Amino acid sequence: MIRVLLVDDQAMVRAGFRMILEAETDITVVERDGAVEIAVTDDGRGFSDDEPSEGFGLIGMRERIRLAGGRYDVESSPGEGTTVHASIPATRAERSGDAGRSALQPG
């Protein structure tokens, strides 16, 4: 089942959208315990914490999630791909004019 979540906070929308853009494969988004939980998994080359980083992609994702009040975790190992987990707080509020629909708003 696919549900569309309406979000009014532009910072949260940008954080989630940019996180998704920076990955290429399996994306899971669920609402659980007052948060929007996002997992993005790729089957790329992976990496080790010991490897020097050449870019700012993971740093940028971590900062955007942190600014939205969320948590962020990365699982990766060489040759095994990478999974980025993020949890962004949200509350459910009914929107006027959207009969039977609701929106997630920042907590």
PDB file of N, CA and C in Angstrom:
ATOM      1  N   MET A   1       0.839  -1.172   0.000  1.00  0.00           N
ATOM      2  CA  MET A   1       0.000   0.000   0.000  1.00  0.00           C
ATOM      3  C   MET A   1       0.889   1.242   0.000  1.00  0.00           C
ATOM      4  N   ILE A   2       0.555   2.206  -0.820  1.00  0.00           N
ATOM      5  CA  ILE A   2       1.285   3.475  -0.876  1.00  0.00           C
ATOM      6  C   ILE A   2       0.383   4.559  -0.309  1.00  0.00           C
ATOM      7  N   ARG A   3       0.906   5.302   0.666  1.00  0.00           N
ATOM      8  CA  ARG A   3       0.176   6.432   1.228  1.00  0.00           C
ATOM      9  C   ARG A   3       0.971   7.688   0.962  1.00  0.00           C
ATOM     10  N   VAL A   4       0.296   8.736   0.579  1.00  0.00           N
ATOM     11  CA  VAL A   4       0.953  10.022   0.380  1.00  0.00           C
ATOM     12  C   VAL A   4       0.828  10.798   1.677  1.00  0.00           C
ATOM     13  N   LEU A   5       1.945  11.279   2.183  1.00  0.00           N
ATOM     14  CA  LEU A   5       1.948  12.057   3.414  1.00  0.00           C
ATOM     15  C   LEU A   5       2.093  13.523   3.044  1.00  0.00           C
ATOM     16  N   LEU A   6       1.161  14.345   3.495  1.00  0.00           N
ATOM     17  CA  LEU A   6       1.222  15.781   3.240  1.00  0.00           C
ATOM     18  C   LEU A   6       1.999  16.434   4.375  1.00  0.00           C
ATOM     19  N   VAL A   7       2.996  17.201   4.045  1.00  0.00           N
ATOM     20  CA  VAL A   7       3.858  17.822   5.049  1.00  0.00           C
ATOM     21  C   VAL A   7       3.913  19.317   4.774  1.00  0.00           C
ATOM     22  N   ASP A   8       3.656  20.112   5.806  1.00  0.00           N
ATOM     23  CA  ASP A   8       3.640  21.562   5.658  1.00  0.00           C
ATOM     24  C   ASP A   8       5.015  22.203   5.880  1.00  0.00           C
ATOM     25  N   ASP A   9       5.898  21.568   6.623  1.00  0.00           N
ATOM     26  CA  ASP A   9       7.198  22.138   6.956  1.00  0.00           C
ATOM     27  C   ASP A   9       8.162  21.930   5.790  1.00  0.00           C
ATOM     28  N   GLN A  10       8.546  23.011   5.131  1.00  0.00           N
ATOM     29  CA  GLN A  10       9.401  22.926   3.947  1.00  0.00           C
ATOM     30  C   GLN A  10      10.782  22.349   4.266  1.00  0.00           C
ATOM     31  N   ALA A  11      11.311  22.637   5.458  1.00  0.00           N
ATOM     32  CA  ALA A  11      12.627  22.093   5.828  1.00  0.00           C
ATOM     33  C   ALA A  11      12.565  20.565   5.885  1.00  0.00           C
ATOM     34  N   MET A  12      11.479  20.023   6.439  1.00  0.00           N
ATOM     35  CA  MET A  12      11.337  18.578   6.518  1.00  0.00           C
ATOM     36  C   MET A  12      11.175  17.977   5.125  1.00  0.00           C
ATOM     37  N   VAL A  13      10.405  18.630   4.282  1.00  0.00           N
ATOM     38  CA  VAL A  13      10.214  18.142   2.917  1.00  0.00           C
ATOM     39  C   VAL A  13      11.554  18.119   2.182  1.00  0.00           C
ATOM     40  N   ARG A  14      12.304  19.207   2.280  1.00  0.00           N
ATOM     41  CA  ARG A  14      13.610  19.268   1.610  1.00  0.00           C
ATOM     42  C   ARG A  14      14.562  18.210   2.149  1.00  0.00           C
ATOM     43  N   ALA A  15      14.581  18.016   3.469  1.00  0.00           N
ATOM     44  CA  ALA A  15      15.485  17.028   4.067  1.00  0.00           C
ATOM     45  C   ALA A  15      15.179  15.632   3.539  1.00  0.00           C
ATOM     46  N   GLY A  16      13.919  15.265   3.540  1.00  0.00           N
ATOM     47  CA  GLY A  16      13.537  13.942   3.033  1.00  0.00           C
ATOM     48  C   GLY A  16      13.795  13.800   1.550  1.00  0.00           C
ATOM     49  N   PHE A  17      13.439  14.806   0.782  1.00  0.00           N
ATOM     50  CA  PHE A  17      13.610  14.745  -0.665  1.00  0.00           C
ATOM     51  C   PHE A  17      15.086  14.665  -1.055  1.00  0.00           C
ATOM     52  N   ARG A  18      15.913  15.475  -0.419  1.00  0.00           N
ATOM     53  CA  ARG A  18      17.342  15.463  -0.764  1.00  0.00           C
ATOM     54  C   ARG A  18      17.978  14.153  -0.349  1.00  0.00           C
ATOM     55  N   MET A  19      17.534  13.576   0.755  1.00  0.00           N
ATOM     56  CA  MET A  19      18.061  12.279   1.167  1.00  0.00           C
ATOM     57  C   MET A  19      17.743  11.231   0.106  1.00  0.00           C
ATOM     58  N   ILE A  20      16.527  11.249  -0.398  1.00  0.00           N
ATOM     59  CA  ILE A  20      16.116  10.290  -1.424  1.00  0.00           C
ATOM     60  C   ILE A  20      16.900  10.512  -2.707  1.00  0.00           C
ATOM     61  N   LEU A  21      17.112  11.761  -3.098  1.00  0.00           N
ATOM     62  CA  LEU A  21      17.842  12.043  -4.332  1.00  0.00           C
ATOM     63  C   LEU A  21      19.282  11.547  -4.287  1.00  0.00           C
ATOM     64  N   GLU A  22      19.859  11.505  -3.101  1.00  0.00           N
ATOM     65  CA  GLU A  22      21.257  11.137  -2.986  1.00  0.00           C
ATOM     66  C   GLU A  22      21.460   9.630  -2.934  1.00  0.00           C
ATOM     67  N   ALA A  23      20.425   8.856  -3.108  1.00  0.00           N
ATOM     68  CA  ALA A  23      20.526   7.403  -3.153  1.00  0.00           C
ATOM     69  C   ALA A  23      19.855   6.925  -4.434  1.00  0.00           C
ATOM     70  N   GLU A  24      20.024   5.648  -4.777  1.00  0.00           N
ATOM     71  CA  GLU A  24      19.500   5.203  -6.058  1.00  0.00           C
ATOM     72  C   GLU A  24      18.634   3.959  -6.025  1.00  0.00           C
ATOM     73  N   THR A  25      18.454   3.267  -4.931  1.00  0.00           N
ATOM     74  CA  THR A  25      17.707   2.022  -5.058  1.00  0.00           C
ATOM     75  C   THR A  25      16.496   1.941  -4.152  1.00  0.00           C
ATOM     76  N   ASP A  26      16.514   1.064  -3.180  1.00  0.00           N
ATOM     77  CA  ASP A  26      15.339   0.727  -2.375  1.00  0.00           C
ATOM     78  C   ASP A  26      15.056   1.807  -1.332  1.00  0.00           C
ATOM     79  N   ILE A  27      13.828   2.348  -1.358  1.00  0.00           N
ATOM     80  CA  ILE A  27      13.432   3.411  -0.443  1.00  0.00           C
ATOM     81  C   ILE A  27      12.182   2.975   0.316  1.00  0.00           C
ATOM     82  N   THR A  28      12.229   3.050   1.640  1.00  0.00           N
ATOM     83  CA  THR A  28      11.085   2.712   2.479  1.00  0.00           C
ATOM     84  C   THR A  28      10.751   3.926   3.336  1.00  0.00           C
ATOM     85  N   VAL A  29       9.478   4.315   3.350  1.00  0.00           N
ATOM     86  CA  VAL A  29       9.017   5.424   4.193  1.00  0.00           C
ATOM     87  C   VAL A  29       7.800   4.934   4.960  1.00  0.00           C
ATOM     88  N   VAL A  30       7.859   4.994   6.297  1.00  0.00           N
ATOM     89  CA  VAL A  30       6.733   4.577   7.125  1.00  0.00           C
ATOM     90  C   VAL A  30       6.512   5.604   8.228  1.00  0.00           C
ATOM     91  N   GLU A  31       5.289   5.663   8.689  1.00  0.00           N
ATOM     92  CA  GLU A  31       4.960   6.471   9.853  1.00  0.00           C
ATOM     93  C   GLU A  31       4.871   5.524  11.032  1.00  0.00           C
ATOM     94  N   ARG A  32       5.636   5.810  12.088  1.00  0.00           N
ATOM     95  CA  ARG A  32       5.650   4.930  13.253  1.00  0.00           C
ATOM     96  C   ARG A  32       5.950   5.739  14.509  1.00  0.00           C
ATOM     97  N   ASP A  33       5.159   5.556  15.527  1.00  0.00           N
ATOM     98  CA  ASP A  33       5.408   6.165  16.837  1.00  0.00           C
ATOM     99  C   ASP A  33       5.684   7.665  16.769  1.00  0.00           C
ATOM    100  N   GLY A  34       4.878   8.397  15.997  1.00  0.00           N
ATOM    101  CA  GLY A  34       5.011   9.848  15.933  1.00  0.00           C
ATOM    102  C   GLY A  34       6.177  10.341  15.101  1.00  0.00           C
ATOM    103  N   ALA A  35       6.687   9.480  14.229  1.00  0.00           N
ATOM    104  CA  ALA A  35       7.817   9.891  13.382  1.00  0.00           C
ATOM    105  C   ALA A  35       7.640   9.337  11.974  1.00  0.00           C
ATOM    106  N   VAL A  36       8.253  10.015  11.031  1.00  0.00           N
ATOM    107  CA  VAL A  36       8.370   9.502   9.672  1.00  0.00           C
ATOM    108  C   VAL A  36       9.743   8.844   9.605  1.00  0.00           C
ATOM    109  N   GLU A  37       9.752   7.528   9.325  1.00  0.00           N
ATOM    110  CA  GLU A  37      11.003   6.787   9.261  1.00  0.00           C
ATOM    111  C   GLU A  37      11.325   6.466   7.813  1.00  0.00           C
ATOM    112  N   ILE A  38      12.550   6.777   7.429  1.00  0.00           N
ATOM    113  CA  ILE A  38      12.998   6.604   6.056  1.00  0.00           C
ATOM    114  C   ILE A  38      14.223   5.691   6.071  1.00  0.00           C
ATOM    115  N   ALA A  39      14.217   4.697   5.187  1.00  0.00           N
ATOM    116  CA  ALA A  39      15.400   3.855   4.986  1.00  0.00           C
ATOM    117  C   ALA A  39      15.707   3.846   3.497  1.00  0.00           C
ATOM    118  N   VAL A  40      16.933   4.164   3.148  1.00  0.00           N
ATOM    119  CA  VAL A  40      17.373   4.165   1.758  1.00  0.00           C
ATOM    120  C   VAL A  40      18.547   3.197   1.661  1.00  0.00           C
ATOM    121  N   THR A  41      18.383   2.172   0.808  1.00  0.00           N
ATOM    122  CA  THR A  41      19.403   1.136   0.665  1.00  0.00           C
ATOM    123  C   THR A  41      19.867   1.073  -0.777  1.00  0.00           C
ATOM    124  N   ASP A  42      21.177   1.011  -0.972  1.00  0.00           N
ATOM    125  CA  ASP A  42      21.690   0.784  -2.322  1.00  0.00           C
ATOM    126  C   ASP A  42      22.566  -0.463  -2.312  1.00  0.00           C
ATOM    127  N   ASP A  43      22.827  -0.971  -3.493  1.00  0.00           N
ATOM    128  CA  ASP A  43      23.678  -2.158  -3.600  1.00  0.00           C
ATOM    129  C   ASP A  43      25.022  -1.782  -4.215  1.00  0.00           C
ATOM    130  N   GLY A  44      25.470  -0.585  -3.899  1.00  0.00           N
ATOM    131  CA  GLY A  44      26.735  -0.074  -4.431  1.00  0.00           C
ATOM    132  C   GLY A  44      27.938  -0.714  -3.773  1.00  0.00           C
ATOM    133  N   ARG A  45      29.056  -0.055  -3.873  1.00  0.00           N
ATOM    134  CA  ARG A  45      30.311  -0.630  -3.393  1.00  0.00           C
ATOM    135  C   ARG A  45      30.470  -0.577  -1.881  1.00  0.00           C
ATOM    136  N   GLY A  46      29.650   0.220  -1.201  1.00  0.00           N
ATOM    137  CA  GLY A  46      29.778   0.348   0.248  1.00  0.00           C
ATOM    138  C   GLY A  46      31.072   1.057   0.625  1.00  0.00           C
ATOM    139  N   PHE A  47      31.318   1.175   1.922  1.00  0.00           N
ATOM    140  CA  PHE A  47      32.543   1.828   2.386  1.00  0.00           C
ATOM    141  C   PHE A  47      32.801   1.440   3.828  1.00  0.00           C
ATOM    142  N   SER A  48      33.988   1.747   4.278  1.00  0.00           N
ATOM    143  CA  SER A  48      34.395   1.506   5.651  1.00  0.00           C
ATOM    144  C   SER A  48      34.560   2.849   6.341  1.00  0.00           C
ATOM    145  N   ASP A  49      34.332   2.891   7.643  1.00  0.00           N
ATOM    146  CA  ASP A  49      34.537   4.139   8.396  1.00  0.00           C
ATOM    147  C   ASP A  49      35.988   4.598   8.327  1.00  0.00           C
ATOM    148  N   ASP A  50      36.895   3.668   8.029  1.00  0.00           N
ATOM    149  CA  ASP A  50      38.322   4.001   7.957  1.00  0.00           C
ATOM    150  C   ASP A  50      38.697   4.703   6.655  1.00  0.00           C
ATOM    151  N   GLU A  51      37.834   4.612   5.625  1.00  0.00           N
ATOM    152  CA  GLU A  51      38.131   5.228   4.336  1.00  0.00           C
ATOM    153  C   GLU A  51      37.934   6.738   4.405  1.00  0.00           C
ATOM    154  N   PRO A  52      38.867   7.511   3.833  1.00  0.00           N
ATOM    155  CA  PRO A  52      38.646   8.962   3.798  1.00  0.00           C
ATOM    156  C   PRO A  52      37.496   9.294   2.848  1.00  0.00           C
ATOM    157  N   SER A  53      36.711  10.265   3.207  1.00  0.00           N
ATOM    158  CA  SER A  53      35.571  10.672   2.388  1.00  0.00           C
ATOM    159  C   SER A  53      35.997  11.776   1.426  1.00  0.00           C
ATOM    160  N   GLU A  54      35.486  11.703   0.195  1.00  0.00           N
ATOM    161  CA  GLU A  54      35.816  12.724  -0.797  1.00  0.00           C
ATOM    162  C   GLU A  54      34.683  13.722  -1.002  1.00  0.00           C
ATOM    163  N   GLY A  55      33.553  13.498  -0.379  1.00  0.00           N
ATOM    164  CA  GLY A  55      32.420  14.379  -0.620  1.00  0.00           C
ATOM    165  C   GLY A  55      31.719  14.768   0.667  1.00  0.00           C
ATOM    166  N   PHE A  56      30.608  15.454   0.482  1.00  0.00           N
ATOM    167  CA  PHE A  56      29.842  15.938   1.624  1.00  0.00           C
ATOM    168  C   PHE A  56      28.434  15.364   1.662  1.00  0.00           C
ATOM    169  N   GLY A  57      28.133  14.346   0.829  1.00  0.00           N
ATOM    170  CA  GLY A  57      26.783  13.796   0.749  1.00  0.00           C
ATOM    171  C   GLY A  57      26.230  13.320   2.076  1.00  0.00           C
ATOM    172  N   LEU A  58      26.968  12.447   2.775  1.00  0.00           N
ATOM    173  CA  LEU A  58      26.486  11.926   4.056  1.00  0.00           C
ATOM    174  C   LEU A  58      26.461  13.018   5.122  1.00  0.00           C
ATOM    175  N   ILE A  59      27.441  13.899   5.097  1.00  0.00           N
ATOM    176  CA  ILE A  59      27.459  15.009   6.053  1.00  0.00           C
ATOM    177  C   ILE A  59      26.243  15.903   5.826  1.00  0.00           C
ATOM    178  N   GLY A  60      25.942  16.207   4.561  1.00  0.00           N
ATOM    179  CA  GLY A  60      24.776  17.036   4.243  1.00  0.00           C
ATOM    180  C   GLY A  60      23.471  16.384   4.668  1.00  0.00           C
ATOM    181  N   MET A  61      23.347  15.067   4.411  1.00  0.00           N
ATOM    182  CA  MET A  61      22.128  14.358   4.840  1.00  0.00           C
ATOM    183  C   MET A  61      21.988  14.416   6.351  1.00  0.00           C
ATOM    184  N   ARG A  62      23.079  14.126   7.071  1.00  0.00           N
ATOM    185  CA  ARG A  62      23.035  14.133   8.536  1.00  0.00           C
ATOM    186  C   ARG A  62      22.601  15.503   9.055  1.00  0.00           C
ATOM    187  N   GLU A  63      23.150  16.562   8.490  1.00  0.00           N
ATOM    188  CA  GLU A  63      22.807  17.913   8.945  1.00  0.00           C
ATOM    189  C   GLU A  63      21.353  18.263   8.648  1.00  0.00           C
ATOM    190  N   ARG A  64      20.855  17.915   7.459  1.00  0.00           N
ATOM    191  CA  ARG A  64      19.453  18.211   7.131  1.00  0.00           C
ATOM    192  C   ARG A  64      18.499  17.456   8.048  1.00  0.00           C
ATOM    193  N   ILE A  65      18.802  16.200   8.328  1.00  0.00           N
ATOM    194  CA  ILE A  65      17.954  15.411   9.228  1.00  0.00           C
ATOM    195  C   ILE A  65      18.024  15.995  10.642  1.00  0.00           C
ATOM    196  N   ARG A  66      19.223  16.348  11.096  1.00  0.00           N
ATOM    197  CA  ARG A  66      19.385  16.940  12.433  1.00  0.00           C
ATOM    198  C   ARG A  66      18.606  18.245  12.554  1.00  0.00           C
ATOM    199  N   LEU A  67      18.676  19.098  11.516  1.00  0.00           N
ATOM    200  CA  LEU A  67      17.953  20.377  11.544  1.00  0.00           C
ATOM    201  C   LEU A  67      16.447  20.177  11.572  1.00  0.00           C
ATOM    202  N   ALA A  68      15.971  19.050  11.045  1.00  0.00           N
ATOM    203  CA  ALA A  68      14.538  18.740  11.089  1.00  0.00           C
ATOM    204  C   ALA A  68      14.173  18.075  12.413  1.00  0.00           C
ATOM    205  N   GLY A  69      15.137  17.941  13.335  1.00  0.00           N
ATOM    206  CA  GLY A  69      14.869  17.355  14.648  1.00  0.00           C
ATOM    207  C   GLY A  69      14.921  15.839  14.651  1.00  0.00           C
ATOM    208  N   GLY A  70      15.550  15.267  13.633  1.00  0.00           N
ATOM    209  CA  GLY A  70      15.538  13.812  13.502  1.00  0.00           C
ATOM    210  C   GLY A  70      16.822  13.130  13.910  1.00  0.00           C
ATOM    211  N   ARG A  71      16.802  11.801  13.737  1.00  0.00           N
ATOM    212  CA  ARG A  71      17.959  10.946  14.000  1.00  0.00           C
ATOM    213  C   ARG A  71      18.437  10.365  12.672  1.00  0.00           C
ATOM    214  N   TYR A  72      19.709   9.961  12.637  1.00  0.00           N
ATOM    215  CA  TYR A  72      20.331   9.527  11.401  1.00  0.00           C
ATOM    216  C   TYR A  72      21.347   8.435  11.721  1.00  0.00           C
ATOM    217  N   ASP A  73      21.377   7.385  10.902  1.00  0.00           N
ATOM    218  CA  ASP A  73      22.331   6.299  11.098  1.00  0.00           C
ATOM    219  C   ASP A  73      22.688   5.719   9.741  1.00  0.00           C
ATOM    220  N   VAL A  74      23.938   5.295   9.583  1.00  0.00           N
ATOM    221  CA  VAL A  74      24.391   4.700   8.320  1.00  0.00           C
ATOM    222  C   VAL A  74      24.997   3.335   8.613  1.00  0.00           C
ATOM    223  N   GLU A  75      24.582   2.334   7.811  1.00  0.00           N
ATOM    224  CA  GLU A  75      25.180   1.003   7.870  1.00  0.00           C
ATOM    225  C   GLU A  75      25.841   0.749   6.521  1.00  0.00           C
ATOM    226  N   SER A  76      27.135   0.425   6.521  1.00  0.00           N
ATOM    227  CA  SER A  76      27.824   0.155   5.272  1.00  0.00           C
ATOM    228  C   SER A  76      29.067  -0.673   5.537  1.00  0.00           C
ATOM    229  N   SER A  77      29.442  -1.456   4.544  1.00  0.00           N
ATOM    230  CA  SER A  77      30.715  -2.165   4.578  1.00  0.00           C
ATOM    231  C   SER A  77      31.158  -2.380   3.139  1.00  0.00           C
ATOM    232  N   PRO A  78      32.467  -2.417   2.908  1.00  0.00           N
ATOM    233  CA  PRO A  78      32.979  -2.551   1.540  1.00  0.00           C
ATOM    234  C   PRO A  78      32.382  -3.761   0.815  1.00  0.00           C
ATOM    235  N   GLY A  79      31.906  -3.519  -0.401  1.00  0.00           N
ATOM    236  CA  GLY A  79      31.336  -4.577  -1.227  1.00  0.00           C
ATOM    237  C   GLY A  79      29.916  -4.966  -0.893  1.00  0.00           C
ATOM    238  N   GLU A  80      29.313  -4.335   0.099  1.00  0.00           N
ATOM    239  CA  GLU A  80      27.979  -4.737   0.571  1.00  0.00           C
ATOM    240  C   GLU A  80      26.907  -3.670   0.414  1.00  0.00           C
ATOM    241  N   GLY A  81      27.214  -2.520  -0.124  1.00  0.00           N
ATOM    242  CA  GLY A  81      26.219  -1.465  -0.249  1.00  0.00           C
ATOM    243  C   GLY A  81      26.075  -0.668   1.034  1.00  0.00           C
ATOM    244  N   THR A  82      25.070   0.195   1.052  1.00  0.00           N
ATOM    245  CA  THR A  82      24.875   1.122   2.165  1.00  0.00           C
ATOM    246  C   THR A  82      23.390   1.274   2.466  1.00  0.00           C
ATOM    247  N   THR A  83      23.049   1.390   3.745  1.00  0.00           N
ATOM    248  CA  THR A  83      21.691   1.725   4.158  1.00  0.00           C
ATOM    249  C   THR A  83      21.749   2.948   5.054  1.00  0.00           C
ATOM    250  N   VAL A  84      20.957   3.956   4.718  1.00  0.00           N
ATOM    251  CA  VAL A  84      20.826   5.161   5.534  1.00  0.00           C
ATOM    252  C   VAL A  84      19.452   5.110   6.183  1.00  0.00           C
ATOM    253  N   HIS A  85      19.416   5.222   7.512  1.00  0.00           N
ATOM    254  CA  HIS A  85      18.169   5.266   8.265  1.00  0.00           C
ATOM    255  C   HIS A  85      17.992   6.684   8.804  1.00  0.00           C
ATOM    256  N   ALA A  86      16.779   7.208   8.695  1.00  0.00           N
ATOM    257  CA  ALA A  86      16.481   8.517   9.280  1.00  0.00           C
ATOM    258  C   ALA A  86      15.101   8.457   9.906  1.00  0.00           C
ATOM    259  N   SER A  87      14.941   9.162  10.997  1.00  0.00           N
ATOM    260  CA  SER A  87      13.650   9.271  11.665  1.00  0.00           C
ATOM    261  C   SER A  87      13.422  10.743  11.968  1.00  0.00           C
ATOM    262  N   ILE A  88      12.317  11.280  11.435  1.00  0.00           N
ATOM    263  CA  ILE A  88      11.998  12.701  11.602  1.00  0.00           C
ATOM    264  C   ILE A  88      10.701  12.802  12.387  1.00  0.00           C
ATOM    265  N   PRO A  89      10.687  13.525  13.523  1.00  0.00           N
ATOM    266  CA  PRO A  89       9.468  13.624  14.317  1.00  0.00           C
ATOM    267  C   PRO A  89       8.326  14.283  13.548  1.00  0.00           C
ATOM    268  N   ALA A  90       7.122  13.801  13.792  1.00  0.00           N
ATOM    269  CA  ALA A  90       5.936  14.358  13.125  1.00  0.00           C
ATOM    270  C   ALA A  90       4.727  14.138  14.008  1.00  0.00           C
ATOM    271  N   THR A  91       3.730  14.990  13.815  1.00  0.00           N
ATOM    272  CA  THR A  91       2.442  14.799  14.477  1.00  0.00           C
ATOM    273  C   THR A  91       1.375  14.787  13.402  1.00  0.00           C
ATOM    274  N   ARG A  92       0.291  14.118  13.654  1.00  0.00           N
ATOM    275  CA  ARG A  92      -0.797  14.021  12.694  1.00  0.00           C
ATOM    276  C   ARG A  92      -1.814  15.110  13.013  1.00  0.00           C
ATOM    277  N   ALA A  93      -2.231  15.828  11.974  1.00  0.00           N
ATOM    278  CA  ALA A  93      -3.233  16.888  12.135  1.00  0.00           C
ATOM    279  C   ALA A  93      -4.201  16.813  10.968  1.00  0.00           C
ATOM    280  N   GLU A  94      -5.453  17.011  11.240  1.00  0.00           N
ATOM    281  CA  GLU A  94      -6.454  17.018  10.166  1.00  0.00           C
ATOM    282  C   GLU A  94      -6.362  18.338   9.431  1.00  0.00           C
ATOM    283  N   ARG A  95      -6.488  18.280   8.119  1.00  0.00           N
ATOM    284  CA  ARG A  95      -6.459  19.492   7.291  1.00  0.00           C
ATOM    285  C   ARG A  95      -7.883  19.825   6.886  1.00  0.00           C
ATOM    286  N   SER A  96      -8.237  21.082   6.954  1.00  0.00           N
ATOM    287  CA  SER A  96      -9.549  21.494   6.489  1.00  0.00           C
ATOM    288  C   SER A  96      -9.600  21.410   4.973  1.00  0.00           C
ATOM    289  N   GLY A  97     -10.708  20.952   4.440  1.00  0.00           N
ATOM    290  CA  GLY A  97     -10.872  20.853   3.001  1.00  0.00           C
ATOM    291  C   GLY A  97     -10.353  19.560   2.400  1.00  0.00           C
ATOM    292  N   ASP A  98      -9.664  18.733   3.175  1.00  0.00           N
ATOM    293  CA  ASP A  98      -9.163  17.447   2.696  1.00  0.00           C
ATOM    294  C   ASP A  98      -9.945  16.331   3.392  1.00  0.00           C
ATOM    295  N   ALA A  99     -11.153  16.129   2.990  1.00  0.00           N
ATOM    296  CA  ALA A  99     -12.022  15.147   3.633  1.00  0.00           C
ATOM    297  C   ALA A  99     -11.363  13.775   3.637  1.00  0.00           C
ATOM    298  N   GLY A 100     -11.270  13.195   4.835  1.00  0.00           N
ATOM    299  CA  GLY A 100     -10.734  11.863   4.962  1.00  0.00           C
ATOM    300  C   GLY A 100      -9.226  11.774   4.841  1.00  0.00           C
ATOM    301  N   ARG A 101      -8.533  12.882   4.707  1.00  0.00           N
ATOM    302  CA  ARG A 101      -7.078  12.872   4.598  1.00  0.00           C
ATOM    303  C   ARG A 101      -6.488  13.585   5.794  1.00  0.00           C
ATOM    304  N   SER A 102      -5.263  13.300   6.085  1.00  0.00           N
ATOM    305  CA  SER A 102      -4.579  13.987   7.176  1.00  0.00           C
ATOM    306  C   SER A 102      -3.174  14.327   6.728  1.00  0.00           C
ATOM    307  N   ALA A 103      -2.509  15.114   7.514  1.00  0.00           N
ATOM    308  CA  ALA A 103      -1.165  15.551   7.156  1.00  0.00           C
ATOM    309  C   ALA A 103      -0.225  15.289   8.320  1.00  0.00           C
ATOM    310  N   LEU A 104       1.016  15.047   8.016  1.00  0.00           N
ATOM    311  CA  LEU A 104       2.035  14.955   9.046  1.00  0.00           C
ATOM    312  C   LEU A 104       2.702  16.300   9.145  1.00  0.00           C
ATOM    313  N   GLN A 105       2.856  16.760  10.365  1.00  0.00           N
ATOM    314  CA  GLN A 105       3.499  18.039  10.602  1.00  0.00           C
ATOM    315  C   GLN A 105       4.647  17.807  11.583  1.00  0.00           C
ATOM    316  N   PRO A 106       5.648  18.679  11.572  1.00  0.00           N
ATOM    317  CA  PRO A 106       6.764  18.499  12.491  1.00  0.00           C
ATOM    318  C   PRO A 106       6.306  18.495  13.923  1.00  0.00           C
ATOM    319  N   GLY A 107       6.933  17.661  14.723  1.00  0.00           N
ATOM    320  CA  GLY A 107       6.565  17.516  16.132  1.00  0.00           C
ATOM    321  C   GLY A 107       7.125  18.590  17.003  1.00  0.00           C
TER     322      GLY A 107
END
